[in-house]
Each structure stands twice: as C-alpha cells, then as structure tokens.
PDB file of N, CA and C in Angstrom:
ATOM      1  N   MET A   1       2.294  21.985  -9.919  1.00  0.00           N
ATOM      2  CA  MET A   1       2.984  20.904  -9.752  1.00  0.00           C
ATOM      3  C   MET A   1       3.540  20.036 -11.075  1.00  0.00           C
ATOM      4  N   ALA A   2       2.327  20.227 -11.934  1.00  0.00           N
ATOM      5  CA  ALA A   2       2.803  19.168 -13.479  1.00  0.00           C
ATOM      6  C   ALA A   2       4.078  20.693 -14.103  1.00  0.00           C
ATOM      7  N   ARG A   3       3.915  21.627 -14.026  1.00  0.00           N
ATOM      8  CA  ARG A   3       4.785  22.799 -14.691  1.00  0.00           C
ATOM      9  C   ARG A   3       6.302  22.386 -14.109  1.00  0.00           C
ATOM     10  N   LYS A   4       6.005  22.405 -12.843  1.00  0.00           N
ATOM     11  CA  LYS A   4       7.621  22.233 -12.296  1.00  0.00           C
ATOM     12  C   LYS A   4       8.195  21.247 -12.702  1.00  0.00           C
ATOM     13  N   GLN A   5       7.103  19.852 -12.780  1.00  0.00           N
ATOM     14  CA  GLN A   5       8.221  18.898 -12.793  1.00  0.00           C
ATOM     15  C   GLN A   5       8.500  18.745 -14.909  1.00  0.00           C
ATOM     16  N   ALA A   6       7.229  19.221 -15.386  1.00  0.00           N
ATOM     17  CA  ALA A   6       8.256  19.832 -16.918  1.00  0.00           C
ATOM     18  C   ALA A   6       9.174  20.648 -17.146  1.00  0.00           C
ATOM     19  N   MET A   7       9.530  21.729 -16.138  1.00  0.00           N
ATOM     20  CA  MET A   7      10.972  21.850 -15.963  1.00  0.00           C
ATOM     21  C   MET A   7      12.200  21.650 -15.516  1.00  0.00           C
ATOM     22  N   MET A   8      11.846  20.932 -14.654  1.00  0.00           N
ATOM     23  CA  MET A   8      13.039  19.615 -14.510  1.00  0.00           C
ATOM     24  C   MET A   8      13.183  18.865 -15.204  1.00  0.00           C
ATOM     25  N   ARG A   9      12.231  18.508 -15.936  1.00  0.00           N
ATOM     26  CA  ARG A   9      12.549  17.435 -17.558  1.00  0.00           C
ATOM     27  C   ARG A   9      13.565  18.231 -18.543  1.00  0.00           C
ATOM     28  N   PHE A  10      12.913  19.573 -18.576  1.00  0.00           N
ATOM     29  CA  PHE A  10      13.551  20.501 -19.242  1.00  0.00           C
ATOM     30  C   PHE A  10      14.615  20.634 -18.998  1.00  0.00           C
ATOM     31  N   LEU A  11      15.013  21.117 -18.049  1.00  0.00           N
ATOM     32  CA  LEU A  11      16.300  21.338 -16.916  1.00  0.00           C
ATOM     33  C   LEU A  11      17.601  20.545 -17.190  1.00  0.00           C
ATOM     34  N   ASP A  12      16.631  18.626 -17.078  1.00  0.00           N
ATOM     35  CA  ASP A  12      17.334  17.350 -17.362  1.00  0.00           C
ATOM     36  C   ASP A  12      18.349  17.402 -18.842  1.00  0.00           C
ATOM     37  N   ALA A  13      17.459  17.604 -19.192  1.00  0.00           N
ATOM     38  CA  ALA A  13      17.394  17.477 -21.074  1.00  0.00           C
ATOM     39  C   ALA A  13      18.392  18.344 -21.186  1.00  0.00           C
ATOM     40  N   MET A  14      18.464  19.544 -20.814  1.00  0.00           N
ATOM     41  CA  MET A  14      19.728  20.377 -21.757  1.00  0.00           C
ATOM     42  C   MET A  14      20.803  20.099 -20.653  1.00  0.00           C
ATOM     43  N   LEU A  15      20.999  19.671 -19.972  1.00  0.00           N
ATOM     44  CA  LEU A  15      21.848  19.748 -19.323  1.00  0.00           C
ATOM     45  C   LEU A  15      23.125  17.529 -19.559  1.00  0.00           C
ATOM     46  N   VAL A  16      21.962  17.391 -20.224  1.00  0.00           N
ATOM     47  CA  VAL A  16      22.569  15.626 -20.685  1.00  0.00           C
ATOM     48  C   VAL A  16      23.094  16.390 -21.847  1.00  0.00           C
ATOM     49  N   ALA A  17      22.401  16.987 -22.849  1.00  0.00           N
ATOM     50  CA  ALA A  17      22.889  17.454 -24.006  1.00  0.00           C
ATOM     51  C   ALA A  17      23.859  18.618 -23.973  1.00  0.00           C
ATOM     52  N   GLU A  18      24.122  18.821 -23.323  1.00  0.00           N
ATOM     53  CA  GLU A  18      25.008  19.712 -22.363  1.00  0.00           C
ATOM     54  C   GLU A  18      25.078  20.853 -23.434  1.00  0.00           C
ATOM     55  N   VAL A  19      23.728  21.498 -23.047  1.00  0.00           N
ATOM     56  CA  VAL A  19      23.632  22.760 -23.540  1.00  0.00           C
ATOM     57  C   VAL A  19      24.516  23.707 -22.779  1.00  0.00           C
ATOM     58  N   LYS A  20      25.289  24.860 -23.528  1.00  0.00           N
ATOM     59  CA  LYS A  20      26.096  26.446 -22.835  1.00  0.00           C
ATOM     60  C   LYS A  20      24.823  27.008 -22.389  1.00  0.00           C
ATOM     61  N   ILE A  21      25.409  27.446 -20.432  1.00  0.00           N
ATOM     62  CA  ILE A  21      24.056  27.816 -19.939  1.00  0.00           C
ATOM     63  C   ILE A  21      25.104  29.501 -19.645  1.00  0.00           C
ATOM     64  N   ASP A  22      25.351  30.547 -20.343  1.00  0.00           N
ATOM     65  CA  ASP A  22      26.072  31.568 -19.815  1.00  0.00           C
ATOM     66  C   ASP A  22      25.976  32.096 -18.293  1.00  0.00           C
ATOM     67  N   ASN A  23      24.892  32.282 -18.169  1.00  0.00           N
ATOM     68  CA  ASN A  23      24.610  32.823 -16.841  1.00  0.00           C
ATOM     69  C   ASN A  23      23.861  32.332 -15.532  1.00  0.00           C
ATOM     70  N   VAL A  24      23.994  31.119 -15.075  1.00  0.00           N
ATOM     71  CA  VAL A  24      23.233  30.051 -14.561  1.00  0.00           C
ATOM     72  C   VAL A  24      22.029  31.306 -13.184  1.00  0.00           C
ATOM     73  N   ALA A  25      22.983  32.049 -12.567  1.00  0.00           N
ATOM     74  CA  ALA A  25      21.810  32.377 -11.858  1.00  0.00           C
ATOM     75  C   ALA A  25      20.489  33.033 -12.621  1.00  0.00           C
ATOM     76  N   GLU A  26      20.897  33.841 -14.044  1.00  0.00           N
ATOM     77  CA  GLU A  26      20.001  34.499 -14.447  1.00  0.00           C
ATOM     78  C   GLU A  26      18.808  33.562 -15.225  1.00  0.00           C
ATOM     79  N   TRP A  27      19.077  31.755 -15.771  1.00  0.00           N
ATOM     80  CA  TRP A  27      18.576  31.150 -16.248  1.00  0.00           C
ATOM     81  C   TRP A  27      17.575  31.096 -14.948  1.00  0.00           C
ATOM     82  N   CYS A  28      18.191  30.868 -13.953  1.00  0.00           N
ATOM     83  CA  CYS A  28      17.235  29.931 -12.600  1.00  0.00           C
ATOM     84  C   CYS A  28      16.163  31.090 -12.707  1.00  0.00           C
ATOM     85  N   ARG A  29      16.699  32.279 -12.805  1.00  0.00           N
ATOM     86  CA  ARG A  29      15.370  33.332 -12.383  1.00  0.00           C
ATOM     87  C   ARG A  29      14.344  33.256 -13.237  1.00  0.00           C
ATOM     88  N   ALA A  30      15.181  33.318 -14.271  1.00  0.00           N
ATOM     89  CA  ALA A  30      13.654  33.609 -15.693  1.00  0.00           C
ATOM     90  C   ALA A  30      12.737  31.765 -15.689  1.00  0.00           C
ATOM     91  N   ASN A  31      13.221  30.571 -15.075  1.00  0.00           N
ATOM     92  CA  ASN A  31      13.032  29.236 -15.306  1.00  0.00           C
ATOM     93  C   ASN A  31      12.374  29.112 -13.959  1.00  0.00           C
ATOM     94  N   GLY A  32      12.828  29.515 -13.334  1.00  0.00           N
ATOM     95  CA  GLY A  32      11.642  29.743 -11.830  1.00  0.00           C
ATOM     96  C   GLY A  32      12.372  28.182 -11.359  1.00  0.00           C
ATOM     97  N   VAL A  33      13.426  27.869 -11.233  1.00  0.00           N
ATOM     98  CA  VAL A  33      14.626  26.556 -10.966  1.00  0.00           C
ATOM     99  C   VAL A  33      15.862  27.545  -9.506  1.00  0.00           C
ATOM    100  N   ASN A  34      15.765  27.013  -8.408  1.00  0.00           N
ATOM    101  CA  ASN A  34      16.654  26.961  -7.293  1.00  0.00           C
ATOM    102  C   ASN A  34      17.972  27.055  -7.836  1.00  0.00           C
ATOM    103  N   PRO A  35      18.997  27.490  -7.943  1.00  0.00           N
ATOM    104  CA  PRO A  35      20.491  27.580  -8.475  1.00  0.00           C
ATOM    105  C   PRO A  35      21.247  26.136  -7.572  1.00  0.00           C
ATOM    106  N   ARG A  36      20.866  26.195  -6.619  1.00  0.00           N
ATOM    107  CA  ARG A  36      21.144  24.257  -6.020  1.00  0.00           C
ATOM    108  C   ARG A  36      20.673  23.547  -6.263  1.00  0.00           C
ATOM    109  N   THR A  37      19.699  23.674  -6.546  1.00  0.00           N
ATOM    110  CA  THR A  37      18.785  22.420  -7.875  1.00  0.00           C
ATOM    111  C   THR A  37      19.666  22.129  -9.094  1.00  0.00           C
ATOM    112  N   PHE A  38      19.825  23.211  -9.367  1.00  0.00           N
ATOM    113  CA  PHE A  38      20.146  23.096 -10.481  1.00  0.00           C
ATOM    114  C   PHE A  38      21.776  22.771 -10.802  1.00  0.00           C
ATOM    115  N   TYR A  39      22.554  23.461  -9.945  1.00  0.00           N
ATOM    116  CA  TYR A  39      24.323  22.419  -9.634  1.00  0.00           C
ATOM    117  C   TYR A  39      23.743  21.467  -9.243  1.00  0.00           C
ATOM    118  N   ARG A  40      23.088  20.861  -8.631  1.00  0.00           N
ATOM    119  CA  ARG A  40      23.229  19.387  -8.055  1.00  0.00           C
ATOM    120  C   ARG A  40      22.932  18.484  -9.551  1.00  0.00           C
ATOM    121  N   HIS A  41      21.486  18.725 -10.052  1.00  0.00           N
ATOM    122  CA  HIS A  41      21.142  17.896 -11.049  1.00  0.00           C
ATOM    123  C   HIS A  41      22.717  18.066 -12.400  1.00  0.00           C
ATOM    124  N   ARG A  42      23.513  18.838 -12.215  1.00  0.00           N
ATOM    125  CA  ARG A  42      24.275  19.172 -13.045  1.00  0.00           C
ATOM    126  C   ARG A  42      25.588  18.013 -12.396  1.00  0.00           C
ATOM    127  N   ALA A  43      25.452  18.418 -11.545  1.00  0.00           N
ATOM    128  CA  ALA A  43      26.817  17.018 -10.941  1.00  0.00           C
ATOM    129  C   ALA A  43      26.062  15.526 -10.718  1.00  0.00           C
ATOM    130  N   ARG A  44      24.648  15.593 -11.353  1.00  0.00           N
ATOM    131  CA  ARG A  44      24.440  14.361 -11.160  1.00  0.00           C
ATOM    132  C   ARG A  44      24.748  13.561 -12.424  1.00  0.00           C
ATOM    133  N   VAL A  45      24.289  14.414 -13.507  1.00  0.00           N
ATOM    134  CA  VAL A  45      24.835  14.104 -15.174  1.00  0.00           C
ATOM    135  C   VAL A  45      25.737  13.526 -15.389  1.00  0.00           C
ATOM    136  N   ALA A  46      26.888  14.337 -14.706  1.00  0.00           N
ATOM    137  CA  ALA A  46      27.838  14.824 -15.199  1.00  0.00           C
ATOM    138  C   ALA A  46      28.309  13.372 -14.551  1.00  0.00           C
ATOM    139  N   ALA A  47      27.454  12.989 -13.435  1.00  0.00           N
ATOM    140  CA  ALA A  47      28.626  11.416 -12.631  1.00  0.00           C
ATOM    141  C   ALA A  47      27.584  10.245 -13.264  1.00  0.00           C
ATOM    142  N   GLU A  48      26.817  10.671 -13.585  1.00  0.00           N
ATOM    143  CA  GLU A  48      26.300   9.232 -14.291  1.00  0.00           C
ATOM    144  C   GLU A  48      25.863   9.471 -15.370  1.00  0.00           C
ATOM    145  N   GLY A  49      26.037  10.501 -16.390  1.00  0.00           N
ATOM    146  CA  GLY A  49      25.967  10.206 -17.398  1.00  0.00           C
ATOM    147  C   GLY A  49      24.455  10.565 -18.345  1.00  0.00           C
ATOM    148  N   GLU A  50      23.686  10.554 -16.942  1.00  0.00           N
ATOM    149  CA  GLU A  50      22.249  10.415 -17.630  1.00  0.00           C
ATOM    150  C   GLU A  50      21.245  10.853 -16.537  1.00  0.00           C
ATOM    151  N   TRP A  51      20.522  11.300 -16.729  1.00  0.00           N
ATOM    152  CA  TRP A  51      19.439  11.541 -15.909  1.00  0.00           C
ATOM    153  C   TRP A  51      17.982  10.731 -15.705  1.00  0.00           C
ATOM    154  N   ARG A  52      18.265   9.295 -14.392  1.00  0.00           N
ATOM    155  CA  ARG A  52      17.434   9.221 -14.303  1.00  0.00           C
ATOM    156  C   ARG A  52      16.885   9.098 -12.790  1.00  0.00           C
ATOM    157  N   GLU A  53      14.877   8.318 -13.246  1.00  0.00           N
ATOM    158  CA  GLU A  53      14.451   8.761 -11.304  1.00  0.00           C
ATOM    159  C   GLU A  53      15.345   7.603 -10.921  1.00  0.00           C
ATOM    160  N   ARG A  54      15.146   7.587  -9.466  1.00  0.00           N
ATOM    161  CA  ARG A  54      15.407   6.751  -8.595  1.00  0.00           C
ATOM    162  C   ARG A  54      15.077   6.882  -7.431  1.00  0.00           C
ATOM    163  N   SER A  55      14.480   5.715  -7.105  1.00  0.00           N
ATOM    164  CA  SER A  55      13.920   5.151  -6.384  1.00  0.00           C
ATOM    165  C   SER A  55      13.895   5.718  -4.659  1.00  0.00           C
ATOM    166  N   ARG A  56      12.400   6.084  -4.127  1.00  0.00           N
ATOM    167  CA  ARG A  56      12.225   6.502  -3.244  1.00  0.00           C
ATOM    168  C   ARG A  56      12.294   6.208  -1.905  1.00  0.00           C
ATOM    169  N   ARG A  57      12.630   4.819  -1.860  1.00  0.00           N
ATOM    170  CA  ARG A  57      12.475   3.442  -1.212  1.00  0.00           C
ATOM    171  C   ARG A  57      13.472   3.997   0.098  1.00  0.00           C
ATOM    172  N   PRO A  58      12.819   3.956   1.027  1.00  0.00           N
ATOM    173  CA  PRO A  58      13.915   4.545   2.166  1.00  0.00           C
ATOM    174  C   PRO A  58      15.289   3.110   2.110  1.00  0.00           C
ATOM    175  N   ARG A  59      16.058   3.342   2.339  1.00  0.00           N
ATOM    176  CA  ARG A  59      17.039   2.286   2.648  1.00  0.00           C
ATOM    177  C   ARG A  59      17.502   1.474   3.653  1.00  0.00           C
ATOM    178  N   SER A  60      16.566   1.663   4.150  1.00  0.00           N
ATOM    179  CA  SER A  60      16.272   0.545   5.639  1.00  0.00           C
ATOM    180  C   SER A  60      15.614   1.342   6.407  1.00  0.00           C
ATOM    181  N   SER A  61      14.810   0.363   7.417  1.00  0.00           N
ATOM    182  CA  SER A  61      13.501   0.392   7.750  1.00  0.00           C
ATOM    183  C   SER A  61      13.018   0.096   9.503  1.00  0.00           C
ATOM    184  N   PRO A  62      13.582   0.514  10.110  1.00  0.00           N
ATOM    185  CA  PRO A  62      14.031   0.336  12.025  1.00  0.00           C
ATOM    186  C   PRO A  62      13.452   0.079  12.156  1.00  0.00           C
ATOM    187  N   THR A  63      12.010   0.461  12.144  1.00  0.00           N
ATOM    188  CA  THR A  63      11.081  -0.178  13.080  1.00  0.00           C
ATOM    189  C   THR A  63      10.119  -1.059  12.513  1.00  0.00           C
ATOM    190  N   ALA A  64      10.471  -1.659  11.502  1.00  0.00           N
ATOM    191  CA  ALA A  64       9.756  -2.792  10.687  1.00  0.00           C
ATOM    192  C   ALA A  64       9.827  -4.041  11.701  1.00  0.00           C
ATOM    193  N   THR A  65       8.703  -4.567  11.185  1.00  0.00           N
ATOM    194  CA  THR A  65       8.297  -5.879  12.218  1.00  0.00           C
ATOM    195  C   THR A  65       9.178  -6.654  11.356  1.00  0.00           C
ATOM    196  N   SER A  66      10.146  -7.688  12.295  1.00  0.00           N
ATOM    197  CA  SER A  66      10.923  -8.697  12.174  1.00  0.00           C
ATOM    198  C   SER A  66      10.622 -10.074  11.121  1.00  0.00           C
ATOM    199  N   GLY A  67      11.449 -10.496  10.847  1.00  0.00           N
ATOM    200  CA  GLY A  67      11.074 -11.505   9.591  1.00  0.00           C
ATOM    201  C   GLY A  67      10.489 -12.938  10.298  1.00  0.00           C
ATOM    202  N   VAL A  68      11.024 -12.425  11.592  1.00  0.00           N
ATOM    203  CA  VAL A  68      10.244 -14.095  12.441  1.00  0.00           C
ATOM    204  C   VAL A  68       9.110 -14.201  12.624  1.00  0.00           C
ATOM    205  N   VAL A  69       8.556 -12.591  12.928  1.00  0.00           N
ATOM    206  CA  VAL A  69       7.642 -12.403  13.708  1.00  0.00           C
ATOM    207  C   VAL A  69       6.128 -12.082  12.341  1.00  0.00           C
ATOM    208  N   VAL A  70       6.939 -12.140  11.292  1.00  0.00           N
ATOM    209  CA  VAL A  70       5.990 -11.757   9.996  1.00  0.00           C
ATOM    210  C   VAL A  70       5.898 -13.713   9.415  1.00  0.00           C
ATOM    211  N   ALA A  71       6.800 -14.329   9.630  1.00  0.00           N
ATOM    212  CA  ALA A  71       6.615 -15.576   9.219  1.00  0.00           C
ATOM    213  C   ALA A  71       5.741 -16.378  10.176  1.00  0.00           C
ATOM    214  N   GLU A  72       5.625 -15.874  11.653  1.00  0.00           N
ATOM    215  CA  GLU A  72       4.871 -16.424  12.302  1.00  0.00           C
ATOM    216  C   GLU A  72       3.501 -16.478  12.357  1.00  0.00           C
ATOM    217  N   VAL A  73       2.983 -15.101  11.648  1.00  0.00           N
ATOM    218  CA  VAL A  73       1.841 -14.700  11.295  1.00  0.00           C
ATOM    219  C   VAL A  73       1.291 -14.778  10.265  1.00  0.00           C
ATOM    220  N   LEU A  74       2.020 -14.891   9.175  1.00  0.00           N
ATOM    221  CA  LEU A  74       1.723 -15.878   7.838  1.00  0.00           C
ATOM    222  C   LEU A  74       1.582 -17.750   8.598  1.00  0.00           C
ATOM    223  N   ARG A  75       2.296 -17.700   9.172  1.00  0.00           N
ATOM    224  CA  ARG A  75       1.810 -19.574   9.283  1.00  0.00           C
ATOM    225  C   ARG A  75       0.379 -19.557  10.192  1.00  0.00           C
ATOM    226  N   LEU A  76      -0.161 -18.866  11.465  1.00  0.00           N
ATOM    227  CA  LEU A  76      -1.096 -18.746  12.361  1.00  0.00           C
ATOM    228  C   LEU A  76      -2.320 -18.733  10.826  1.00  0.00           C
ATOM    229  N   ARG A  77      -1.790 -17.464  10.346  1.00  0.00           N
ATOM    230  CA  ARG A  77      -3.239 -17.088   9.429  1.00  0.00           C
ATOM    231  C   ARG A  77      -3.528 -18.676   8.608  1.00  0.00           C
ATOM    232  N   GLU A  78      -2.568 -18.897   7.901  1.00  0.00           N
ATOM    233  CA  GLU A  78      -3.154 -20.314   7.925  1.00  0.00           C
ATOM    234  C   GLU A  78      -3.682 -21.880   8.073  1.00  0.00           C
ATOM    235  N   VAL A  79      -3.002 -21.426   9.970  1.00  0.00           N
ATOM    236  CA  VAL A  79      -3.560 -22.649  10.611  1.00  0.00           C
ATOM    237  C   VAL A  79      -5.161 -22.319  10.918  1.00  0.00           C
ATOM    238  N   LEU A  80      -5.252 -21.070  11.394  1.00  0.00           N
ATOM    239  CA  LEU A  80      -6.457 -20.202  12.029  1.00  0.00           C
ATOM    240  C   LEU A  80      -7.006 -20.808  10.759  1.00  0.00           C
ATOM    241  N   ALA A  81      -7.097 -20.884   9.234  1.00  0.00           N
ATOM    242  CA  ALA A  81      -8.355 -20.396   8.264  1.00  0.00           C
ATOM    243  C   ALA A  81      -9.781 -20.771   8.713  1.00  0.00           C
ATOM    244  N   PRO A  82     -10.687 -20.499   8.067  1.00  0.00           N
ATOM    245  CA  PRO A  82     -10.592 -18.920   7.567  1.00  0.00           C
ATOM    246  C   PRO A  82     -11.131 -17.813   8.557  1.00  0.00           C
ATOM    247  N   ASP A  83     -10.980 -17.901   9.824  1.00  0.00           N
ATOM    248  CA  ASP A  83     -10.783 -17.385  10.979  1.00  0.00           C
ATOM    249  C   ASP A  83      -9.744 -17.048  11.615  1.00  0.00           C
ATOM    250  N   ASN A  84      -8.780 -15.896  10.369  1.00  0.00           N
ATOM    251  CA  ASN A  84      -7.667 -15.771  10.903  1.00  0.00           C
ATOM    252  C   ASN A  84      -7.194 -14.385  10.810  1.00  0.00           C
ATOM    253  N   GLY A  85      -8.011 -13.678  11.536  1.00  0.00           N
ATOM    254  CA  GLY A  85      -7.990 -12.487  11.816  1.00  0.00           C
ATOM    255  C   GLY A  85      -6.871 -11.987  13.095  1.00  0.00           C
ATOM    256  N   ALA A  86      -7.282 -10.273  13.242  1.00  0.00           N
ATOM    257  CA  ALA A  86      -5.598  -9.938  13.805  1.00  0.00           C
ATOM    258  C   ALA A  86      -6.271 -10.325  15.684  1.00  0.00           C
ATOM    259  N   ASP A  87      -7.800 -10.545  16.252  1.00  0.00           N
ATOM    260  CA  ASP A  87      -7.575 -10.959  17.111  1.00  0.00           C
ATOM    261  C   ASP A  87      -7.749 -12.618  17.338  1.00  0.00           C
ATOM    262  N   SER A  88      -7.855 -13.573  15.857  1.00  0.00           N
ATOM    263  CA  SER A  88      -7.539 -14.869  16.671  1.00  0.00           C
ATOM    264  C   SER A  88      -6.232 -14.953  16.389  1.00  0.00           C
ATOM    265  N   ILE A  89      -5.360 -14.536  15.796  1.00  0.00           N
ATOM    266  CA  ILE A  89      -4.157 -14.169  15.935  1.00  0.00           C
ATOM    267  C   ILE A  89      -3.108 -14.104  17.557  1.00  0.00           C
ATOM    268  N   ARG A  90      -3.688 -12.831  18.049  1.00  0.00           N
ATOM    269  CA  ARG A  90      -2.997 -12.402  19.069  1.00  0.00           C
ATOM    270  C   ARG A  90      -3.917 -13.495  20.158  1.00  0.00           C
ATOM    271  N   ALA A  91      -4.893 -14.125  20.031  1.00  0.00           N
ATOM    272  CA  ALA A  91      -5.376 -15.275  21.299  1.00  0.00           C
ATOM    273  C   ALA A  91      -4.708 -16.732  21.441  1.00  0.00           C
TER     274      ALA A  91
END
C-alpha cells in the first residue's frame, strides 16, 4: 500500500509540474498505474491547478439520527446523571 501511495504522489507531482509523457500506456505499464487513474488524475490537476487530498466524508447520511432525537438524548443524559446510560434513557 505504501508503494502505491508513493507512486500516486509521484504521478501527481509529474502532472502538476507538467512533465511531458509521450506514451501514457507505456508509462502506466512501467509504473503499475491504471491508465484510467492516470487520465482521471490528469483531468483533476488540469481543472484545479494542483493536487490536494479530498475529504472522504459522505455528502449525506440518510440513515443518521435526526437532530431532534440527538438533542433529546443529550438532554436526558444531563437530567438522569450520573445514571445516564441507554437503559435509563429508554425507560
């Protein structure tokens, strides 16, 4: 995994520095990079001008507990202190 991450950093540095690669398929074979990954990274560097890690956090969480329920649980934990476990709150 560390080798793959190092190779991706190398690829991204080359793309940011605009190093000319004559034969992309040959370069990808020699360095163990999927051509689709190469083109995806190249398009991202061209669009954003640099390479930055993006957040992997999901854009939405449809099954997340609603804010109303979270607020009520927190309120009950304060009211039922020190015995504020899940069984006490459920009761």
